[in-house]
Amino acid sequence: MKNIVTVFLIWNIFVFALFGFDKYRAKKQKRRVSEKNLILASLFQGATGGIFAMVIFNHKTAKPKFRILIPVFVIENTIIFYYLYNYLN
């Protein structure tokens, strides 16, 4: 079970960094990470990192699809994580 928690933490740190990298690239007016990739990374168990990044970096907070989808993904990710953690012993 420690493996599930470790993978979850590492992936969320990666997604957090991905949002941060995109914000950095936006400020430098360079090529950015696509919104599709940010959303997909959040969908696949990275929403916690995504929502923290949105708040800390103030990034993508004006975009309705991010304001709606990322919190929905947090709920979805929590349900999946709960199932994996509790029922796959």
N, C-alpha and C. Protein backbone atom coordinates (compact mmCIF):
# COMPACT_ATOMS: atom_id res chain seq x y z
N MET A 1 0.81 -1.19 0.00
CA MET A 1 0.00 0.00 0.00
C MET A 1 0.86 1.27 0.00
N LYS A 2 2.05 1.17 0.55
CA LYS A 2 2.94 2.33 0.53
C LYS A 2 3.25 2.74 -0.91
N ASN A 3 3.27 1.76 -1.81
CA ASN A 3 3.57 2.07 -3.21
C ASN A 3 2.50 2.96 -3.83
N ILE A 4 1.23 2.70 -3.51
CA ILE A 4 0.15 3.51 -4.05
C ILE A 4 0.27 4.94 -3.57
N VAL A 5 0.54 5.12 -2.29
CA VAL A 5 0.69 6.46 -1.72
C VAL A 5 1.89 7.17 -2.34
N THR A 6 2.99 6.46 -2.49
CA THR A 6 4.20 7.05 -3.07
C THR A 6 3.97 7.48 -4.51
N VAL A 7 3.37 6.62 -5.30
CA VAL A 7 3.09 6.95 -6.70
C VAL A 7 2.14 8.15 -6.77
N PHE A 8 1.12 8.15 -5.94
CA PHE A 8 0.17 9.26 -5.89
C PHE A 8 0.88 10.57 -5.57
N LEU A 9 1.74 10.56 -4.56
CA LEU A 9 2.46 11.78 -4.17
C LEU A 9 3.40 12.26 -5.27
N ILE A 10 4.16 11.34 -5.85
CA ILE A 10 5.10 11.71 -6.90
C ILE A 10 4.37 12.29 -8.11
N TRP A 11 3.26 11.66 -8.50
CA TRP A 11 2.52 12.14 -9.65
C TRP A 11 1.94 13.54 -9.39
N ASN A 12 1.43 13.77 -8.18
CA ASN A 12 0.86 15.07 -7.87
C ASN A 12 1.94 16.15 -7.79
N ILE A 13 3.12 15.80 -7.32
CA ILE A 13 4.23 16.75 -7.34
C ILE A 13 4.60 17.09 -8.78
N PHE A 14 4.59 16.07 -9.64
CA PHE A 14 4.88 16.30 -11.06
C PHE A 14 3.84 17.22 -11.69
N VAL A 15 2.57 16.97 -11.43
CA VAL A 15 1.50 17.81 -12.00
C VAL A 15 1.61 19.24 -11.47
N PHE A 16 1.89 19.39 -10.19
CA PHE A 16 2.11 20.71 -9.59
C PHE A 16 3.24 21.43 -10.34
N ALA A 17 4.35 20.72 -10.56
CA ALA A 17 5.49 21.31 -11.27
C ALA A 17 5.14 21.62 -12.73
N LEU A 18 4.31 20.79 -13.35
CA LEU A 18 3.90 21.02 -14.73
C LEU A 18 3.10 22.32 -14.85
N PHE A 19 2.18 22.54 -13.92
CA PHE A 19 1.43 23.79 -13.90
C PHE A 19 2.38 24.97 -13.66
N GLY A 20 3.31 24.80 -12.73
CA GLY A 20 4.29 25.85 -12.45
C GLY A 20 5.16 26.16 -13.66
N PHE A 21 5.59 25.12 -14.35
CA PHE A 21 6.39 25.28 -15.56
C PHE A 21 5.61 26.03 -16.62
N ASP A 22 4.33 25.69 -16.77
CA ASP A 22 3.50 26.37 -17.75
C ASP A 22 3.35 27.85 -17.40
N LYS A 23 3.17 28.15 -16.12
CA LYS A 23 3.07 29.55 -15.69
C LYS A 23 4.38 30.30 -15.98
N TYR A 24 5.50 29.66 -15.70
CA TYR A 24 6.81 30.26 -15.98
C TYR A 24 6.96 30.55 -17.48
N ARG A 25 6.58 29.56 -18.30
CA ARG A 25 6.68 29.75 -19.75
C ARG A 25 5.74 30.85 -20.23
N ALA A 26 4.58 30.97 -19.60
CA ALA A 26 3.63 32.03 -19.98
C ALA A 26 4.23 33.41 -19.70
N LYS A 27 4.88 33.55 -18.56
CA LYS A 27 5.50 34.84 -18.22
C LYS A 27 6.62 35.19 -19.18
N LYS A 28 7.34 34.18 -19.67
CA LYS A 28 8.46 34.40 -20.59
C LYS A 28 8.00 34.46 -22.05
N GLN A 29 6.70 34.28 -22.27
CA GLN A 29 6.11 34.27 -23.61
C GLN A 29 6.79 33.25 -24.52
N LYS A 30 6.96 32.06 -23.97
CA LYS A 30 7.54 30.96 -24.73
C LYS A 30 6.49 29.89 -24.94
N ARG A 31 6.88 28.84 -25.67
CA ARG A 31 5.95 27.74 -25.94
C ARG A 31 5.48 27.11 -24.64
N ARG A 32 4.18 26.86 -24.54
CA ARG A 32 3.55 26.43 -23.30
C ARG A 32 3.13 24.98 -23.34
N VAL A 33 2.80 24.46 -22.17
CA VAL A 33 2.19 23.14 -22.04
C VAL A 33 0.74 23.30 -22.47
N SER A 34 0.24 22.38 -23.28
CA SER A 34 -1.13 22.51 -23.77
C SER A 34 -2.14 22.32 -22.63
N GLU A 35 -3.27 23.00 -22.76
CA GLU A 35 -4.32 22.87 -21.76
C GLU A 35 -4.80 21.42 -21.69
N LYS A 36 -4.84 20.76 -22.83
CA LYS A 36 -5.26 19.36 -22.88
C LYS A 36 -4.35 18.50 -21.99
N ASN A 37 -3.05 18.73 -22.07
CA ASN A 37 -2.11 17.95 -21.25
C ASN A 37 -2.25 18.26 -19.77
N LEU A 38 -2.49 19.52 -19.44
CA LEU A 38 -2.70 19.89 -18.03
C LEU A 38 -3.96 19.22 -17.49
N ILE A 39 -5.02 19.22 -18.28
CA ILE A 39 -6.27 18.61 -17.84
C ILE A 39 -6.12 17.10 -17.74
N LEU A 40 -5.48 16.48 -18.71
CA LEU A 40 -5.30 15.02 -18.66
C LEU A 40 -4.42 14.60 -17.48
N ALA A 41 -3.37 15.34 -17.21
CA ALA A 41 -2.51 15.02 -16.08
C ALA A 41 -3.28 15.13 -14.77
N SER A 42 -4.19 16.08 -14.70
CA SER A 42 -5.02 16.24 -13.50
C SER A 42 -6.06 15.12 -13.41
N LEU A 43 -6.63 14.75 -14.53
CA LEU A 43 -7.64 13.69 -14.55
C LEU A 43 -7.07 12.38 -14.03
N PHE A 44 -5.89 12.04 -14.44
CA PHE A 44 -5.29 10.76 -14.06
C PHE A 44 -4.52 10.88 -12.75
N GLN A 45 -5.26 11.13 -11.68
CA GLN A 45 -4.77 11.16 -10.29
C GLN A 45 -3.85 12.32 -9.97
N GLY A 46 -3.91 13.41 -10.74
CA GLY A 46 -3.05 14.55 -10.45
C GLY A 46 -3.80 15.82 -10.09
N ALA A 47 -5.08 15.70 -9.79
CA ALA A 47 -5.90 16.89 -9.55
C ALA A 47 -5.50 17.63 -8.28
N THR A 48 -5.03 16.92 -7.28
CA THR A 48 -4.62 17.58 -6.05
C THR A 48 -3.44 18.51 -6.33
N GLY A 49 -2.46 18.02 -7.05
CA GLY A 49 -1.33 18.85 -7.43
C GLY A 49 -1.76 20.00 -8.33
N GLY A 50 -2.72 19.73 -9.21
CA GLY A 50 -3.23 20.76 -10.10
C GLY A 50 -3.94 21.88 -9.37
N ILE A 51 -4.77 21.52 -8.40
CA ILE A 51 -5.52 22.55 -7.69
C ILE A 51 -4.61 23.37 -6.78
N PHE A 52 -3.62 22.73 -6.16
CA PHE A 52 -2.64 23.49 -5.37
C PHE A 52 -1.86 24.46 -6.27
N ALA A 53 -1.48 23.99 -7.44
CA ALA A 53 -0.73 24.84 -8.37
C ALA A 53 -1.59 26.01 -8.85
N MET A 54 -2.86 25.76 -9.12
CA MET A 54 -3.75 26.84 -9.55
C MET A 54 -3.81 27.94 -8.49
N VAL A 55 -3.88 27.54 -7.22
CA VAL A 55 -3.98 28.51 -6.14
C VAL A 55 -2.64 29.20 -5.90
N ILE A 56 -1.58 28.44 -5.80
CA ILE A 56 -0.27 29.01 -5.45
C ILE A 56 0.29 29.87 -6.58
N PHE A 57 0.18 29.39 -7.82
CA PHE A 57 0.72 30.14 -8.95
C PHE A 57 -0.30 31.09 -9.57
N ASN A 58 -1.54 31.07 -9.08
CA ASN A 58 -2.64 31.84 -9.65
C ASN A 58 -2.68 31.62 -11.16
N HIS A 59 -2.70 30.35 -11.54
CA HIS A 59 -2.59 29.96 -12.94
C HIS A 59 -3.83 29.21 -13.38
N LYS A 60 -4.40 29.63 -14.47
CA LYS A 60 -5.58 29.02 -15.08
C LYS A 60 -6.83 29.21 -14.22
N THR A 61 -6.80 30.13 -13.28
CA THR A 61 -7.95 30.34 -12.41
C THR A 61 -9.07 31.10 -13.11
N ALA A 62 -8.79 31.79 -14.17
CA ALA A 62 -9.83 32.53 -14.91
C ALA A 62 -10.51 31.66 -15.96
N LYS A 63 -9.94 30.52 -16.24
CA LYS A 63 -10.50 29.64 -17.27
C LYS A 63 -11.60 28.77 -16.67
N PRO A 64 -12.84 28.90 -17.16
CA PRO A 64 -13.95 28.12 -16.58
C PRO A 64 -13.73 26.61 -16.61
N LYS A 65 -13.13 26.10 -17.68
CA LYS A 65 -12.96 24.65 -17.73
C LYS A 65 -12.01 24.15 -16.64
N PHE A 66 -11.04 24.95 -16.26
CA PHE A 66 -10.14 24.57 -15.17
C PHE A 66 -10.82 24.75 -13.82
N ARG A 67 -11.56 25.85 -13.66
CA ARG A 67 -12.26 26.10 -12.39
C ARG A 67 -13.32 25.05 -12.11
N ILE A 68 -13.87 24.45 -13.14
CA ILE A 68 -14.90 23.42 -12.96
C ILE A 68 -14.29 22.02 -12.93
N LEU A 69 -13.48 21.71 -13.93
CA LEU A 69 -12.98 20.34 -14.07
C LEU A 69 -12.02 19.92 -12.96
N ILE A 70 -11.09 20.76 -12.58
CA ILE A 70 -10.08 20.35 -11.60
C ILE A 70 -10.72 19.98 -10.26
N PRO A 71 -11.64 20.78 -9.71
CA PRO A 71 -12.30 20.34 -8.46
C PRO A 71 -13.11 19.04 -8.63
N VAL A 72 -13.74 18.87 -9.80
CA VAL A 72 -14.45 17.61 -10.06
C VAL A 72 -13.45 16.45 -10.09
N PHE A 73 -12.31 16.68 -10.70
CA PHE A 73 -11.27 15.64 -10.74
C PHE A 73 -10.73 15.32 -9.35
N VAL A 74 -10.67 16.31 -8.47
CA VAL A 74 -10.22 16.05 -7.09
C VAL A 74 -11.16 15.04 -6.45
N ILE A 75 -12.44 15.22 -6.63
CA ILE A 75 -13.43 14.27 -6.06
C ILE A 75 -13.26 12.90 -6.70
N GLU A 76 -13.15 12.86 -8.02
CA GLU A 76 -12.97 11.60 -8.73
C GLU A 76 -11.67 10.91 -8.31
N ASN A 77 -10.60 11.67 -8.22
CA ASN A 77 -9.30 11.11 -7.80
C ASN A 77 -9.36 10.57 -6.39
N THR A 78 -10.06 11.27 -5.50
CA THR A 78 -10.19 10.82 -4.11
C THR A 78 -10.93 9.50 -4.04
N ILE A 79 -12.00 9.35 -4.80
CA ILE A 79 -12.77 8.11 -4.81
C ILE A 79 -11.91 6.96 -5.32
N ILE A 80 -11.21 7.18 -6.40
CA ILE A 80 -10.34 6.12 -6.96
C ILE A 80 -9.22 5.78 -5.99
N PHE A 81 -8.58 6.79 -5.41
CA PHE A 81 -7.50 6.54 -4.45
C PHE A 81 -8.03 5.76 -3.25
N TYR A 82 -9.19 6.14 -2.73
CA TYR A 82 -9.79 5.44 -1.59
C TYR A 82 -10.02 3.97 -1.94
N TYR A 83 -10.56 3.71 -3.12
CA TYR A 83 -10.79 2.34 -3.54
C TYR A 83 -9.48 1.56 -3.63
N LEU A 84 -8.50 2.12 -4.30
CA LEU A 84 -7.22 1.43 -4.46
C LEU A 84 -6.56 1.17 -3.12
N TYR A 85 -6.59 2.14 -2.24
CA TYR A 85 -5.93 2.03 -0.95
C TYR A 85 -6.62 1.01 -0.05
N ASN A 86 -7.95 1.00 -0.04
CA ASN A 86 -8.69 0.15 0.90
C ASN A 86 -9.05 -1.23 0.37
N TYR A 87 -9.19 -1.39 -0.92
CA TYR A 87 -9.70 -2.65 -1.43
C TYR A 87 -8.71 -3.48 -2.20
N LEU A 88 -7.53 -2.97 -2.41
CA LEU A 88 -6.51 -3.76 -3.12
C LEU A 88 -5.37 -4.18 -2.19
N ASN A 89 -5.73 -4.67 -1.04
CA ASN A 89 -4.72 -5.14 -0.07
C ASN A 89 -4.21 -6.50 -0.47
